[in-house]
Amino acid sequence: MLIGLLQNIAIFYYWTWFIWPFVFIFSLVYAITSLVKDDAASMKPILIASVSLLIIVAGITGPALE
C-alpha cells in the first residue's frame, strides 16, 4: 500500500520535477530566517519544506521500487 503511494508520488514528481527544488530551498531558507528573527515562528514553511523533500525523495527512489 505504501509502495503504491510512493510510486504515485514519484509519477507526480516526474511531471513537476522543475518546481520542487525551488520550493524546498525557498521554504527552508524562509523557515530558518523566521526561526532566527521571531520568537513565535510559524510551522507552515517547515511543513512545506518537509513535504517538498518527501516528494523529491519519492521521485528519486521511485524507479527502484518497481
N, C-alpha and C. Protein backbone atom coordinates (compact mmCIF):
# COMPACT_ATOMS: atom_id res chain seq x y z
N MET A 1 0.81 -1.18 0.00
CA MET A 1 0.00 0.00 0.00
C MET A 1 0.87 1.26 0.00
N LEU A 2 1.87 1.31 0.88
CA LEU A 2 2.73 2.49 0.93
C LEU A 2 3.65 2.57 -0.29
N ILE A 3 4.04 1.42 -0.83
CA ILE A 3 4.87 1.43 -2.04
C ILE A 3 4.06 1.99 -3.20
N GLY A 4 2.80 1.66 -3.29
CA GLY A 4 1.94 2.22 -4.33
C GLY A 4 1.78 3.72 -4.17
N LEU A 5 1.68 4.18 -2.92
CA LEU A 5 1.60 5.62 -2.67
C LEU A 5 2.88 6.32 -3.08
N LEU A 6 4.03 5.72 -2.76
CA LEU A 6 5.30 6.30 -3.17
C LEU A 6 5.45 6.33 -4.69
N GLN A 7 4.95 5.31 -5.37
CA GLN A 7 5.01 5.30 -6.83
C GLN A 7 4.12 6.39 -7.42
N ASN A 8 2.97 6.62 -6.83
CA ASN A 8 2.10 7.71 -7.29
C ASN A 8 2.74 9.08 -7.06
N ILE A 9 3.38 9.25 -5.93
CA ILE A 9 4.09 10.50 -5.66
C ILE A 9 5.25 10.66 -6.64
N ALA A 10 5.92 9.56 -6.99
CA ALA A 10 7.02 9.62 -7.94
C ALA A 10 6.52 10.03 -9.32
N ILE A 11 5.38 9.53 -9.74
CA ILE A 11 4.81 9.94 -11.03
C ILE A 11 4.46 11.41 -11.01
N PHE A 12 3.91 11.88 -9.91
CA PHE A 12 3.62 13.31 -9.77
C PHE A 12 4.91 14.12 -9.83
N TYR A 13 5.98 13.62 -9.23
CA TYR A 13 7.27 14.31 -9.26
C TYR A 13 7.83 14.35 -10.67
N TYR A 14 7.68 13.30 -11.45
CA TYR A 14 8.23 13.27 -12.81
C TYR A 14 7.61 14.36 -13.67
N TRP A 15 6.36 14.68 -13.45
CA TRP A 15 5.70 15.71 -14.24
C TRP A 15 5.99 17.12 -13.74
N THR A 16 6.38 17.26 -12.47
CA THR A 16 6.60 18.59 -11.89
C THR A 16 7.98 18.70 -11.25
N TRP A 17 8.99 18.05 -11.81
CA TRP A 17 10.31 17.99 -11.18
C TRP A 17 10.98 19.35 -11.09
N PHE A 18 10.68 20.24 -11.98
CA PHE A 18 11.37 21.53 -12.02
C PHE A 18 10.90 22.49 -10.93
N ILE A 19 9.79 22.21 -10.27
CA ILE A 19 9.24 23.09 -9.25
C ILE A 19 9.81 22.77 -7.86
N TRP A 20 9.96 21.50 -7.54
CA TRP A 20 10.20 21.08 -6.15
C TRP A 20 11.54 21.50 -5.56
N PRO A 21 12.65 21.53 -6.31
CA PRO A 21 13.88 22.04 -5.66
C PRO A 21 13.76 23.50 -5.22
N PHE A 22 13.11 24.33 -6.03
CA PHE A 22 12.93 25.73 -5.66
C PHE A 22 12.00 25.87 -4.46
N VAL A 23 10.94 25.10 -4.43
CA VAL A 23 10.01 25.14 -3.29
C VAL A 23 10.73 24.71 -2.02
N PHE A 24 11.53 23.68 -2.11
CA PHE A 24 12.25 23.19 -0.94
C PHE A 24 13.25 24.22 -0.42
N ILE A 25 14.08 24.77 -1.30
CA ILE A 25 15.11 25.70 -0.86
C ILE A 25 14.50 26.99 -0.30
N PHE A 26 13.53 27.57 -1.01
CA PHE A 26 12.96 28.84 -0.54
C PHE A 26 12.20 28.67 0.77
N SER A 27 11.46 27.58 0.91
CA SER A 27 10.72 27.39 2.16
C SER A 27 11.66 27.05 3.32
N LEU A 28 12.74 26.33 3.06
CA LEU A 28 13.69 26.02 4.12
C LEU A 28 14.43 27.27 4.57
N VAL A 29 14.85 28.09 3.64
CA VAL A 29 15.54 29.34 4.00
C VAL A 29 14.59 30.27 4.75
N TYR A 30 13.34 30.36 4.29
CA TYR A 30 12.37 31.21 4.98
C TYR A 30 12.10 30.69 6.39
N ALA A 31 12.03 29.38 6.56
CA ALA A 31 11.79 28.81 7.90
C ALA A 31 12.96 29.10 8.83
N ILE A 32 14.18 28.98 8.33
CA ILE A 32 15.35 29.22 9.17
C ILE A 32 15.44 30.70 9.56
N THR A 33 15.21 31.59 8.60
CA THR A 33 15.29 33.01 8.93
C THR A 33 14.17 33.44 9.87
N SER A 34 12.99 32.86 9.72
CA SER A 34 11.91 33.22 10.64
C SER A 34 12.15 32.66 12.04
N LEU A 35 12.82 31.52 12.14
CA LEU A 35 13.16 30.99 13.46
C LEU A 35 14.22 31.84 14.15
N VAL A 36 15.14 32.40 13.37
CA VAL A 36 16.19 33.22 13.95
C VAL A 36 15.64 34.58 14.37
N LYS A 37 14.78 35.17 13.54
CA LYS A 37 14.28 36.52 13.81
C LYS A 37 13.18 36.57 14.86
N ASP A 38 12.19 35.70 14.75
CA ASP A 38 11.00 35.78 15.60
C ASP A 38 11.05 34.74 16.71
N ASP A 39 10.38 35.10 17.81
CA ASP A 39 10.22 34.13 18.88
C ASP A 39 9.06 33.18 18.60
N ALA A 40 8.01 33.69 17.98
CA ALA A 40 6.83 32.88 17.67
C ALA A 40 6.78 32.63 16.15
N ALA A 41 7.64 31.76 15.69
CA ALA A 41 7.72 31.47 14.26
C ALA A 41 6.64 30.47 13.86
N SER A 42 6.22 30.56 12.62
CA SER A 42 5.18 29.68 12.11
C SER A 42 5.79 28.35 11.66
N MET A 43 5.00 27.29 11.76
CA MET A 43 5.46 25.97 11.33
C MET A 43 5.13 25.70 9.86
N LYS A 44 4.40 26.59 9.21
CA LYS A 44 3.99 26.37 7.83
C LYS A 44 5.17 26.22 6.87
N PRO A 45 6.21 27.07 6.91
CA PRO A 45 7.33 26.87 5.99
C PRO A 45 8.09 25.57 6.23
N ILE A 46 8.16 25.15 7.48
CA ILE A 46 8.84 23.89 7.78
C ILE A 46 8.04 22.71 7.22
N LEU A 47 6.72 22.77 7.33
CA LEU A 47 5.89 21.72 6.76
C LEU A 47 5.96 21.68 5.24
N ILE A 48 6.01 22.85 4.61
CA ILE A 48 6.13 22.91 3.15
C ILE A 48 7.48 22.33 2.72
N ALA A 49 8.54 22.65 3.45
CA ALA A 49 9.86 22.11 3.12
C ALA A 49 9.90 20.60 3.30
N SER A 50 9.26 20.09 4.33
CA SER A 50 9.28 18.65 4.56
C SER A 50 8.46 17.90 3.51
N VAL A 51 7.33 18.46 3.10
CA VAL A 51 6.52 17.81 2.05
C VAL A 51 7.25 17.84 0.72
N SER A 52 7.90 18.95 0.41
CA SER A 52 8.63 19.01 -0.86
C SER A 52 9.82 18.07 -0.85
N LEU A 53 10.49 17.91 0.29
CA LEU A 53 11.57 16.93 0.39
C LEU A 53 11.04 15.51 0.25
N LEU A 54 9.88 15.22 0.81
CA LEU A 54 9.26 13.91 0.64
C LEU A 54 8.98 13.63 -0.83
N ILE A 55 8.49 14.60 -1.55
CA ILE A 55 8.18 14.42 -2.96
C ILE A 55 9.46 14.21 -3.77
N ILE A 56 10.51 14.95 -3.45
CA ILE A 56 11.79 14.78 -4.16
C ILE A 56 12.37 13.40 -3.90
N VAL A 57 12.39 12.96 -2.66
CA VAL A 57 12.96 11.65 -2.33
C VAL A 57 12.13 10.52 -2.92
N ALA A 58 10.81 10.67 -2.92
CA ALA A 58 9.95 9.64 -3.53
C ALA A 58 10.18 9.58 -5.03
N GLY A 59 10.43 10.72 -5.66
CA GLY A 59 10.71 10.74 -7.09
C GLY A 59 12.04 10.11 -7.43
N ILE A 60 13.02 10.28 -6.55
CA ILE A 60 14.34 9.71 -6.80
C ILE A 60 14.31 8.19 -6.59
N THR A 61 13.63 7.73 -5.57
CA THR A 61 13.61 6.29 -5.26
C THR A 61 12.49 5.54 -5.99
N GLY A 62 11.67 6.24 -6.73
CA GLY A 62 10.55 5.61 -7.43
C GLY A 62 10.95 4.51 -8.40
N PRO A 63 11.97 4.71 -9.25
CA PRO A 63 12.34 3.62 -10.17
C PRO A 63 12.86 2.38 -9.47
N ALA A 64 13.42 2.50 -8.29
CA ALA A 64 13.94 1.35 -7.57
C ALA A 64 12.83 0.48 -6.97
N LEU A 65 11.63 1.01 -6.88
CA LEU A 65 10.53 0.28 -6.26
C LEU A 65 9.80 -0.64 -7.23
N GLU A 66 10.06 -0.49 -8.50
CA GLU A 66 9.32 -1.29 -9.49
C GLU A 66 9.91 -2.65 -9.68
